[in-house]
PDB file of N, CA and C in Angstrom:
ATOM      1  N   ALA A   1     -11.508  17.072   7.096  1.00  0.00           N
ATOM      2  CA  ALA A   1     -12.464  16.855   6.024  1.00  0.00           C
ATOM      3  C   ALA A   1     -13.809  16.452   6.612  1.00  0.00           C
ATOM      4  N   GLU A   2     -14.838  16.634   5.864  1.00  0.00           N
ATOM      5  CA  GLU A   2     -16.184  16.266   6.302  1.00  0.00           C
ATOM      6  C   GLU A   2     -16.410  14.765   6.309  1.00  0.00           C
ATOM      7  N   SER A   3     -15.698  14.051   5.480  1.00  0.00           N
ATOM      8  CA  SER A   3     -15.938  12.620   5.321  1.00  0.00           C
ATOM      9  C   SER A   3     -14.822  11.810   5.977  1.00  0.00           C
ATOM     10  N   SER A   4     -15.208  10.820   6.772  1.00  0.00           N
ATOM     11  CA  SER A   4     -14.205   9.986   7.439  1.00  0.00           C
ATOM     12  C   SER A   4     -13.385   9.184   6.436  1.00  0.00           C
ATOM     13  N   SER A   5     -13.904   8.956   5.243  1.00  0.00           N
ATOM     14  CA  SER A   5     -13.136   8.201   4.251  1.00  0.00           C
ATOM     15  C   SER A   5     -11.890   8.973   3.795  1.00  0.00           C
ATOM     16  N   LYS A   6     -11.885  10.290   3.965  1.00  0.00           N
ATOM     17  CA  LYS A   6     -10.686  11.080   3.660  1.00  0.00           C
ATOM     18  C   LYS A   6      -9.557  10.684   4.615  1.00  0.00           C
ATOM     19  N   SER A   7      -9.860  10.525   5.897  1.00  0.00           N
ATOM     20  CA  SER A   7      -8.854  10.108   6.876  1.00  0.00           C
ATOM     21  C   SER A   7      -8.355   8.702   6.572  1.00  0.00           C
ATOM     22  N   ASP A   8      -9.232   7.862   6.060  1.00  0.00           N
ATOM     23  CA  ASP A   8      -8.874   6.481   5.763  1.00  0.00           C
ATOM     24  C   ASP A   8      -7.797   6.397   4.680  1.00  0.00           C
ATOM     25  N   GLU A   9      -7.638   7.431   3.891  1.00  0.00           N
ATOM     26  CA  GLU A   9      -6.596   7.446   2.862  1.00  0.00           C
ATOM     27  C   GLU A   9      -5.193   7.496   3.470  1.00  0.00           C
ATOM     28  N   TYR A  10      -5.069   7.969   4.716  1.00  0.00           N
ATOM     29  CA  TYR A  10      -3.762   8.206   5.321  1.00  0.00           C
ATOM     30  C   TYR A  10      -3.430   7.293   6.488  1.00  0.00           C
ATOM     31  N   VAL A  11      -4.414   6.632   7.074  1.00  0.00           N
ATOM     32  CA  VAL A  11      -4.225   5.906   8.322  1.00  0.00           C
ATOM     33  C   VAL A  11      -3.545   4.552   8.098  1.00  0.00           C
ATOM     34  N   LYS A  12      -2.795   4.124   9.110  1.00  0.00           N
ATOM     35  CA  LYS A  12      -2.145   2.816   9.090  1.00  0.00           C
ATOM     36  C   LYS A  12      -2.730   1.979  10.234  1.00  0.00           C
ATOM     37  N   PRO A  13      -2.866   0.651  10.016  1.00  0.00           N
ATOM     38  CA  PRO A  13      -3.472  -0.196  11.054  1.00  0.00           C
ATOM     39  C   PRO A  13      -2.495  -0.536  12.177  1.00  0.00           C
ATOM     40  N   ASN A  14      -3.075  -0.916  13.329  1.00  0.00           N
ATOM     41  CA  ASN A  14      -2.250  -1.461  14.403  1.00  0.00           C
ATOM     42  C   ASN A  14      -2.023  -2.945  14.116  1.00  0.00           C
ATOM     43  N   LYS A  15      -1.384  -3.664  15.035  1.00  0.00           N
ATOM     44  CA  LYS A  15      -1.038  -5.062  14.767  1.00  0.00           C
ATOM     45  C   LYS A  15      -2.262  -5.974  14.666  1.00  0.00           C
ATOM     46  N   GLU A  16      -3.408  -5.532  15.215  1.00  0.00           N
ATOM     47  CA  GLU A  16      -4.646  -6.307  15.101  1.00  0.00           C
ATOM     48  C   GLU A  16      -5.429  -5.981  13.827  1.00  0.00           C
ATOM     49  N   GLY A  17      -4.935  -5.027  13.053  1.00  0.00           N
ATOM     50  CA  GLY A  17      -5.613  -4.643  11.816  1.00  0.00           C
ATOM     51  C   GLY A  17      -6.711  -3.620  12.014  1.00  0.00           C
ATOM     52  N   HIS A  18      -6.706  -2.927  13.160  1.00  0.00           N
ATOM     53  CA  HIS A  18      -7.685  -1.868  13.434  1.00  0.00           C
ATOM     54  C   HIS A  18      -7.081  -0.514  13.108  1.00  0.00           C
ATOM     55  N   PHE A  19      -7.921   0.372  12.633  1.00  0.00           N
ATOM     56  CA  PHE A  19      -7.496   1.702  12.217  1.00  0.00           C
ATOM     57  C   PHE A  19      -8.075   2.762  13.149  1.00  0.00           C
ATOM     58  N   PRO A  20      -7.260   3.739  13.590  1.00  0.00           N
ATOM     59  CA  PRO A  20      -7.781   4.811  14.436  1.00  0.00           C
ATOM     60  C   PRO A  20      -8.158   6.051  13.631  1.00  0.00           C
ATOM     61  N   VAL A  21      -9.173   6.729  14.081  1.00  0.00           N
ATOM     62  CA  VAL A  21      -9.481   8.063  13.557  1.00  0.00           C
ATOM     63  C   VAL A  21      -9.808   8.936  14.763  1.00  0.00           C
ATOM     64  N   ILE A  22      -9.214  10.102  14.826  1.00  0.00           N
ATOM     65  CA  ILE A  22      -9.454  11.032  15.933  1.00  0.00           C
ATOM     66  C   ILE A  22     -10.594  11.962  15.544  1.00  0.00           C
ATOM     67  N   MET A  23     -11.632  11.952  16.321  1.00  0.00           N
ATOM     68  CA  MET A  23     -12.773  12.842  16.108  1.00  0.00           C
ATOM     69  C   MET A  23     -12.524  14.105  16.925  1.00  0.00           C
ATOM     70  N   CYS A  24     -12.570  15.247  16.256  1.00  0.00           N
ATOM     71  CA  CYS A  24     -12.247  16.518  16.904  1.00  0.00           C
ATOM     72  C   CYS A  24     -13.405  17.498  16.797  1.00  0.00           C
ATOM     73  N   ARG A  25     -13.495  18.322  17.799  1.00  0.00           N
ATOM     74  CA  ARG A  25     -14.368  19.494  17.732  1.00  0.00           C
ATOM     75  C   ARG A  25     -13.466  20.652  17.335  1.00  0.00           C
ATOM     76  N   VAL A  26     -13.899  21.409  16.335  1.00  0.00           N
ATOM     77  CA  VAL A  26     -13.056  22.483  15.811  1.00  0.00           C
ATOM     78  C   VAL A  26     -13.862  23.773  15.750  1.00  0.00           C
ATOM     79  N   ALA A  27     -13.298  24.818  16.333  1.00  0.00           N
ATOM     80  CA  ALA A  27     -13.902  26.147  16.250  1.00  0.00           C
ATOM     81  C   ALA A  27     -13.342  26.822  15.000  1.00  0.00           C
ATOM     82  N   LEU A  28     -14.150  26.912  13.954  1.00  0.00           N
ATOM     83  CA  LEU A  28     -13.677  27.451  12.681  1.00  0.00           C
ATOM     84  C   LEU A  28     -13.674  28.971  12.642  1.00  0.00           C
ATOM     85  N   GLY A  29     -14.539  29.605  13.411  1.00  0.00           N
ATOM     86  CA  GLY A  29     -14.594  31.059  13.395  1.00  0.00           C
ATOM     87  C   GLY A  29     -14.989  31.596  12.039  1.00  0.00           C
ATOM     88  N   ARG A  30     -14.367  32.682  11.647  1.00  0.00           N
ATOM     89  CA  ARG A  30     -14.625  33.280  10.333  1.00  0.00           C
ATOM     90  C   ARG A  30     -13.829  32.499   9.289  1.00  0.00           C
ATOM     91  N   ILE A  31     -14.527  31.946   8.303  1.00  0.00           N
ATOM     92  CA  ILE A  31     -13.921  31.028   7.344  1.00  0.00           C
ATOM     93  C   ILE A  31     -13.567  31.734   6.032  1.00  0.00           C
ATOM     94  N   ASN A  32     -12.342  31.518   5.577  1.00  0.00           N
ATOM     95  CA  ASN A  32     -11.888  31.986   4.266  1.00  0.00           C
ATOM     96  C   ASN A  32     -12.225  30.871   3.278  1.00  0.00           C
ATOM     97  N   TYR A  33     -13.218  31.082   2.431  1.00  0.00           N
ATOM     98  CA  TYR A  33     -13.698  30.073   1.493  1.00  0.00           C
ATOM     99  C   TYR A  33     -12.840  30.066   0.229  1.00  0.00           C
ATOM    100  N   CYS A  34     -12.389  28.874  -0.181  1.00  0.00           N
ATOM    101  CA  CYS A  34     -11.558  28.745  -1.378  1.00  0.00           C
ATOM    102  C   CYS A  34     -12.074  27.581  -2.220  1.00  0.00           C
ATOM    103  N   ASP A  35     -12.518  27.877  -3.447  1.00  0.00           N
ATOM    104  CA  ASP A  35     -12.982  26.818  -4.346  1.00  0.00           C
ATOM    105  C   ASP A  35     -12.118  26.732  -5.607  1.00  0.00           C
ATOM    106  N   SER A  36     -10.885  27.203  -5.508  1.00  0.00           N
ATOM    107  CA  SER A  36      -9.950  27.165  -6.625  1.00  0.00           C
ATOM    108  C   SER A  36      -9.583  25.718  -6.948  1.00  0.00           C
ATOM    109  N   LYS A  37      -9.416  25.412  -8.229  1.00  0.00           N
ATOM    110  CA  LYS A  37      -9.002  24.062  -8.628  1.00  0.00           C
ATOM    111  C   LYS A  37      -7.581  23.751  -8.175  1.00  0.00           C
ATOM    112  N   ASP A  38      -6.730  24.773  -8.075  1.00  0.00           N
ATOM    113  CA  ASP A  38      -5.365  24.590  -7.588  1.00  0.00           C
ATOM    114  C   ASP A  38      -5.047  25.681  -6.567  1.00  0.00           C
ATOM    115  N   PRO A  39      -5.489  25.490  -5.314  1.00  0.00           N
ATOM    116  CA  PRO A  39      -5.292  26.541  -4.308  1.00  0.00           C
ATOM    117  C   PRO A  39      -3.831  26.796  -3.954  1.00  0.00           C
ATOM    118  N   THR A  40      -2.923  25.870  -4.293  1.00  0.00           N
ATOM    119  CA  THR A  40      -1.504  26.119  -4.022  1.00  0.00           C
ATOM    120  C   THR A  40      -0.957  27.234  -4.905  1.00  0.00           C
ATOM    121  N   LYS A  41      -1.631  27.470  -6.059  1.00  0.00           N
ATOM    122  CA  LYS A  41      -1.216  28.544  -6.965  1.00  0.00           C
ATOM    123  C   LYS A  41      -2.177  29.722  -6.940  1.00  0.00           C
ATOM    124  N   ASP A  42      -3.456  29.448  -6.778  1.00  0.00           N
ATOM    125  CA  ASP A  42      -4.480  30.501  -6.777  1.00  0.00           C
ATOM    126  C   ASP A  42      -5.423  30.286  -5.602  1.00  0.00           C
ATOM    127  N   PRO A  43      -5.303  30.981  -4.535  1.00  0.00           N
ATOM    128  CA  PRO A  43      -4.484  32.176  -4.307  1.00  0.00           C
ATOM    129  C   PRO A  43      -3.071  31.889  -3.821  1.00  0.00           C
ATOM    130  N   GLY A  44      -2.757  30.635  -3.476  1.00  0.00           N
ATOM    131  CA  GLY A  44      -1.431  30.284  -2.960  1.00  0.00           C
ATOM    132  C   GLY A  44      -1.499  29.967  -1.478  1.00  0.00           C
ATOM    133  N   ARG A  45      -0.672  29.018  -1.067  1.00  0.00           N
ATOM    134  CA  ARG A  45      -0.656  28.603   0.347  1.00  0.00           C
ATOM    135  C   ARG A  45      -0.326  29.746   1.287  1.00  0.00           C
ATOM    136  N   ASP A  46       0.668  30.551   0.910  1.00  0.00           N
ATOM    137  CA  ASP A  46       1.079  31.659   1.783  1.00  0.00           C
ATOM    138  C   ASP A  46      -0.065  32.636   2.022  1.00  0.00           C
ATOM    139  N   LYS A  47      -0.816  32.950   0.968  1.00  0.00           N
ATOM    140  CA  LYS A  47      -1.935  33.891   1.116  1.00  0.00           C
ATOM    141  C   LYS A  47      -3.044  33.305   1.976  1.00  0.00           C
ATOM    142  N   LEU A  48      -3.328  32.012   1.789  1.00  0.00           N
ATOM    143  CA  LEU A  48      -4.364  31.375   2.608  1.00  0.00           C
ATOM    144  C   LEU A  48      -3.945  31.355   4.074  1.00  0.00           C
ATOM    145  N   GLU A  49      -2.715  30.979   4.328  1.00  0.00           N
ATOM    146  CA  GLU A  49      -2.223  30.927   5.705  1.00  0.00           C
ATOM    147  C   GLU A  49      -2.188  32.311   6.347  1.00  0.00           C
ATOM    148  N   SER A  50      -1.668  33.288   5.629  1.00  0.00           N
ATOM    149  CA  SER A  50      -1.574  34.631   6.204  1.00  0.00           C
ATOM    150  C   SER A  50      -2.947  35.265   6.401  1.00  0.00           C
ATOM    151  N   SER A  51      -3.948  34.829   5.627  1.00  0.00           N
ATOM    152  CA  SER A  51      -5.303  35.355   5.843  1.00  0.00           C
ATOM    153  C   SER A  51      -5.825  34.964   7.217  1.00  0.00           C
ATOM    154  N   CYS A  52      -5.277  33.888   7.773  1.00  0.00           N
ATOM    155  CA  CYS A  52      -5.681  33.439   9.110  1.00  0.00           C
ATOM    156  C   CYS A  52      -4.723  33.931  10.192  1.00  0.00           C
ATOM    157  N   LEU A  53      -3.444  33.923   9.908  1.00  0.00           N
ATOM    158  CA  LEU A  53      -2.467  34.303  10.927  1.00  0.00           C
ATOM    159  C   LEU A  53      -2.331  35.814  11.091  1.00  0.00           C
ATOM    160  N   ARG A  54      -2.537  36.561   9.991  1.00  0.00           N
ATOM    161  CA  ARG A  54      -2.383  38.010  10.067  1.00  0.00           C
ATOM    162  C   ARG A  54      -3.575  38.763   9.497  1.00  0.00           C
ATOM    163  N   GLY A  55      -4.587  38.044   9.069  1.00  0.00           N
ATOM    164  CA  GLY A  55      -5.734  38.678   8.424  1.00  0.00           C
ATOM    165  C   GLY A  55      -7.000  38.593   9.245  1.00  0.00           C
ATOM    166  N   ASP A  56      -8.126  38.610   8.552  1.00  0.00           N
ATOM    167  CA  ASP A  56      -9.436  38.663   9.192  1.00  0.00           C
ATOM    168  C   ASP A  56     -10.092  37.302   9.378  1.00  0.00           C
ATOM    169  N   PHE A  57      -9.391  36.214   9.052  1.00  0.00           N
ATOM    170  CA  PHE A  57     -10.000  34.891   9.102  1.00  0.00           C
ATOM    171  C   PHE A  57      -9.383  34.018  10.186  1.00  0.00           C
ATOM    172  N   HIS A  58     -10.131  32.965  10.568  1.00  0.00           N
ATOM    173  CA  HIS A  58      -9.664  32.017  11.578  1.00  0.00           C
ATOM    174  C   HIS A  58      -9.396  30.639  10.985  1.00  0.00           C
ATOM    175  N   SER A  59      -9.930  30.370   9.787  1.00  0.00           N
ATOM    176  CA  SER A  59      -9.768  29.062   9.158  1.00  0.00           C
ATOM    177  C   SER A  59      -9.963  29.192   7.649  1.00  0.00           C
ATOM    178  N   VAL A  60      -9.606  28.118   6.946  1.00  0.00           N
ATOM    179  CA  VAL A  60      -9.787  28.051   5.496  1.00  0.00           C
ATOM    180  C   VAL A  60     -10.659  26.840   5.184  1.00  0.00           C
ATOM    181  N   LEU A  61     -11.620  27.033   4.307  1.00  0.00           N
ATOM    182  CA  LEU A  61     -12.414  25.931   3.783  1.00  0.00           C
ATOM    183  C   LEU A  61     -12.005  25.733   2.335  1.00  0.00           C
ATOM    184  N   GLY A  62     -11.316  24.620   2.067  1.00  0.00           N
ATOM    185  CA  GLY A  62     -10.972  24.257   0.697  1.00  0.00           C
ATOM    186  C   GLY A  62     -12.100  23.413   0.140  1.00  0.00           C
ATOM    187  N   ASP A  63     -12.894  23.997  -0.732  1.00  0.00           N
ATOM    188  CA  ASP A  63     -14.070  23.295  -1.253  1.00  0.00           C
ATOM    189  C   ASP A  63     -13.663  22.408  -2.425  1.00  0.00           C
ATOM    190  N   ARG A  64     -13.036  21.288  -2.104  1.00  0.00           N
ATOM    191  CA  ARG A  64     -12.610  20.328  -3.119  1.00  0.00           C
ATOM    192  C   ARG A  64     -13.823  19.626  -3.721  1.00  0.00           C
ATOM    193  N   LYS A  65     -14.933  19.617  -2.994  1.00  0.00           N
ATOM    194  CA  LYS A  65     -16.162  19.016  -3.532  1.00  0.00           C
ATOM    195  C   LYS A  65     -16.635  19.793  -4.756  1.00  0.00           C
ATOM    196  N   LYS A  66     -16.625  21.124  -4.653  1.00  0.00           N
ATOM    197  CA  LYS A  66     -17.028  21.965  -5.781  1.00  0.00           C
ATOM    198  C   LYS A  66     -15.968  21.968  -6.881  1.00  0.00           C
ATOM    199  N   ALA A  67     -14.702  22.058  -6.482  1.00  0.00           N
ATOM    200  CA  ALA A  67     -13.618  22.191  -7.459  1.00  0.00           C
ATOM    201  C   ALA A  67     -13.269  20.880  -8.159  1.00  0.00           C
ATOM    202  N   ARG A  68     -13.339  19.768  -7.437  1.00  0.00           N
ATOM    203  CA  ARG A  68     -12.865  18.494  -7.993  1.00  0.00           C
ATOM    204  C   ARG A  68     -13.821  17.321  -7.767  1.00  0.00           C
ATOM    205  N   GLY A  69     -14.920  17.553  -7.055  1.00  0.00           N
ATOM    206  CA  GLY A  69     -15.872  16.477  -6.800  1.00  0.00           C
ATOM    207  C   GLY A  69     -15.438  15.512  -5.710  1.00  0.00           C
ATOM    208  N   THR A  70     -14.542  15.953  -4.803  1.00  0.00           N
ATOM    209  CA  THR A  70     -14.080  15.059  -3.735  1.00  0.00           C
ATOM    210  C   THR A  70     -14.634  15.497  -2.382  1.00  0.00           C
ATOM    211  N   TYR A  71     -13.808  16.111  -1.526  1.00  0.00           N
ATOM    212  CA  TYR A  71     -14.198  16.455  -0.161  1.00  0.00           C
ATOM    213  C   TYR A  71     -14.015  17.950   0.099  1.00  0.00           C
ATOM    214  N   ARG A  72     -14.769  18.436   1.072  1.00  0.00           N
ATOM    215  CA  ARG A  72     -14.482  19.778   1.593  1.00  0.00           C
ATOM    216  C   ARG A  72     -13.491  19.587   2.731  1.00  0.00           C
ATOM    217  N   GLU A  73     -12.432  20.382   2.724  1.00  0.00           N
ATOM    218  CA  GLU A  73     -11.390  20.271   3.739  1.00  0.00           C
ATOM    219  C   GLU A  73     -11.299  21.572   4.520  1.00  0.00           C
ATOM    220  N   PHE A  74     -11.160  21.439   5.833  1.00  0.00           N
ATOM    221  CA  PHE A  74     -11.086  22.581   6.731  1.00  0.00           C
ATOM    222  C   PHE A  74      -9.686  22.647   7.320  1.00  0.00           C
ATOM    223  N   VAL A  75      -9.092  23.843   7.300  1.00  0.00           N
ATOM    224  CA  VAL A  75      -7.728  24.030   7.794  1.00  0.00           C
ATOM    225  C   VAL A  75      -7.740  25.123   8.854  1.00  0.00           C
ATOM    226  N   VAL A  76      -7.152  24.810  10.008  1.00  0.00           N
ATOM    227  CA  VAL A  76      -6.939  25.820  11.046  1.00  0.00           C
ATOM    228  C   VAL A  76      -5.437  25.876  11.324  1.00  0.00           C
ATOM    229  N   TYR A  77      -4.967  27.031  11.718  1.00  0.00           N
ATOM    230  CA  TYR A  77      -3.537  27.233  11.936  1.00  0.00           C
ATOM    231  C   TYR A  77      -3.197  27.450  13.405  1.00  0.00           C
ATOM    232  N   ASP A  78      -4.192  27.397  14.261  1.00  0.00           N
ATOM    233  CA  ASP A  78      -3.994  27.586  15.694  1.00  0.00           C
ATOM    234  C   ASP A  78      -4.506  26.340  16.405  1.00  0.00           C
ATOM    235  N   HIS A  79      -3.616  25.611  17.061  1.00  0.00           N
ATOM    236  CA  HIS A  79      -4.006  24.352  17.700  1.00  0.00           C
ATOM    237  C   HIS A  79      -5.046  24.546  18.807  1.00  0.00           C
ATOM    238  N   TYR A  80      -5.180  25.749  19.317  1.00  0.00           N
ATOM    239  CA  TYR A  80      -6.191  26.005  20.346  1.00  0.00           C
ATOM    240  C   TYR A  80      -7.617  25.952  19.784  1.00  0.00           C
ATOM    241  N   GLN A  81      -7.761  25.931  18.484  1.00  0.00           N
ATOM    242  CA  GLN A  81      -9.081  25.837  17.860  1.00  0.00           C
ATOM    243  C   GLN A  81      -9.565  24.381  17.755  1.00  0.00           C
ATOM    244  N   VAL A  82      -8.696  23.432  18.070  1.00  0.00           N
ATOM    245  CA  VAL A  82      -9.021  22.013  17.905  1.00  0.00           C
ATOM    246  C   VAL A  82      -9.043  21.312  19.250  1.00  0.00           C
ATOM    247  N   TYR A  83     -10.134  20.580  19.497  1.00  0.00           N
ATOM    248  CA  TYR A  83     -10.262  19.784  20.709  1.00  0.00           C
ATOM    249  C   TYR A  83     -10.436  18.323  20.304  1.00  0.00           C
ATOM    250  N   PRO A  84      -9.395  17.483  20.493  1.00  0.00           N
ATOM    251  CA  PRO A  84      -9.551  16.054  20.191  1.00  0.00           C
ATOM    252  C   PRO A  84     -10.576  15.463  21.161  1.00  0.00           C
ATOM    253  N   HIS A  85     -11.692  15.017  20.652  1.00  0.00           N
ATOM    254  CA  HIS A  85     -12.810  14.583  21.485  1.00  0.00           C
ATOM    255  C   HIS A  85     -12.725  13.103  21.846  1.00  0.00           C
ATOM    256  N   PHE A  86     -12.507  12.245  20.858  1.00  0.00           N
ATOM    257  CA  PHE A  86     -12.326  10.817  21.133  1.00  0.00           C
ATOM    258  C   PHE A  86     -11.701  10.132  19.928  1.00  0.00           C
ATOM    259  N   ILE A  87     -11.246   8.900  20.153  1.00  0.00           N
ATOM    260  CA  ILE A  87     -10.661   8.081  19.089  1.00  0.00           C
ATOM    261  C   ILE A  87     -11.639   6.964  18.762  1.00  0.00           C
ATOM    262  N   VAL A  88     -11.904   6.782  17.478  1.00  0.00           N
ATOM    263  CA  VAL A  88     -12.727   5.665  17.003  1.00  0.00           C
ATOM    264  C   VAL A  88     -11.793   4.670  16.336  1.00  0.00           C
ATOM    265  N   TRP A  89     -11.884   3.412  16.753  1.00  0.00           N
ATOM    266  CA  TRP A  89     -11.129   2.346  16.115  1.00  0.00           C
ATOM    267  C   TRP A  89     -12.080   1.571  15.223  1.00  0.00           C
ATOM    268  N   TYR A  90     -11.654   1.280  14.003  1.00  0.00           N
ATOM    269  CA  TYR A  90     -12.516   0.561  13.063  1.00  0.00           C
ATOM    270  C   TYR A  90     -11.695  -0.458  12.283  1.00  0.00           C
ATOM    271  N   SER A  91     -12.382  -1.376  11.661  1.00  0.00           N
ATOM    272  CA  SER A  91     -11.727  -2.319  10.749  1.00  0.00           C
ATOM    273  C   SER A  91     -12.427  -2.213   9.412  1.00  0.00           C
ATOM    274  N   ARG A  92     -11.704  -2.508   8.367  1.00  0.00           N
ATOM    275  CA  ARG A  92     -12.252  -2.449   7.017  1.00  0.00           C
ATOM    276  C   ARG A  92     -12.925  -3.773   6.685  1.00  0.00           C
ATOM    277  N   ILE A  93     -14.025  -3.681   5.972  1.00  0.00           N
ATOM    278  CA  ILE A  93     -14.748  -4.867   5.532  1.00  0.00           C
ATOM    279  C   ILE A  93     -14.372  -5.123   4.082  1.00  0.00           C
ATOM    280  N   SER A  94     -13.883  -6.296   3.814  1.00  0.00           N
ATOM    281  CA  SER A  94     -13.516  -6.637   2.433  1.00  0.00           C
ATOM    282  C   SER A  94     -14.766  -6.762   1.590  1.00  0.00           C
ATOM    283  N   GLY A  95     -14.707  -6.206   0.380  1.00  0.00           N
ATOM    284  CA  GLY A  95     -15.864  -6.217  -0.500  1.00  0.00           C
ATOM    285  C   GLY A  95     -15.739  -7.244  -1.507  1.00  0.00           C
TER     286      GLY A  95
END
C-alpha cells in the first residue's frame, strides 16, 4: 500500500512495544488497474492473478482509494519483483 498506516493495521509489537515495517523497492512493470468496489467478484481474484502470471501484466493496482476512500494497494505475484530495502522500527504515540 502507499500509506504506512495500512501496514500498521496488521503489525504486532516486539517485547519493547516497537513495531517493524519493511520498506521495499518494487518493480511494478505493466500494471493491471482495478477500481472495482469488490475486486474478488469483479473481475475476480483468479482473473487478476492470471493477468500477471499468464497475461500481459506484471502487477495489479487495487485502487481502494477511488473505490472505497481508503488506500491504493499494489500486488505482485513474483517475489523477484520485490527488494526488501530496510526495516523501520517505530512506536505508537498515544493520543
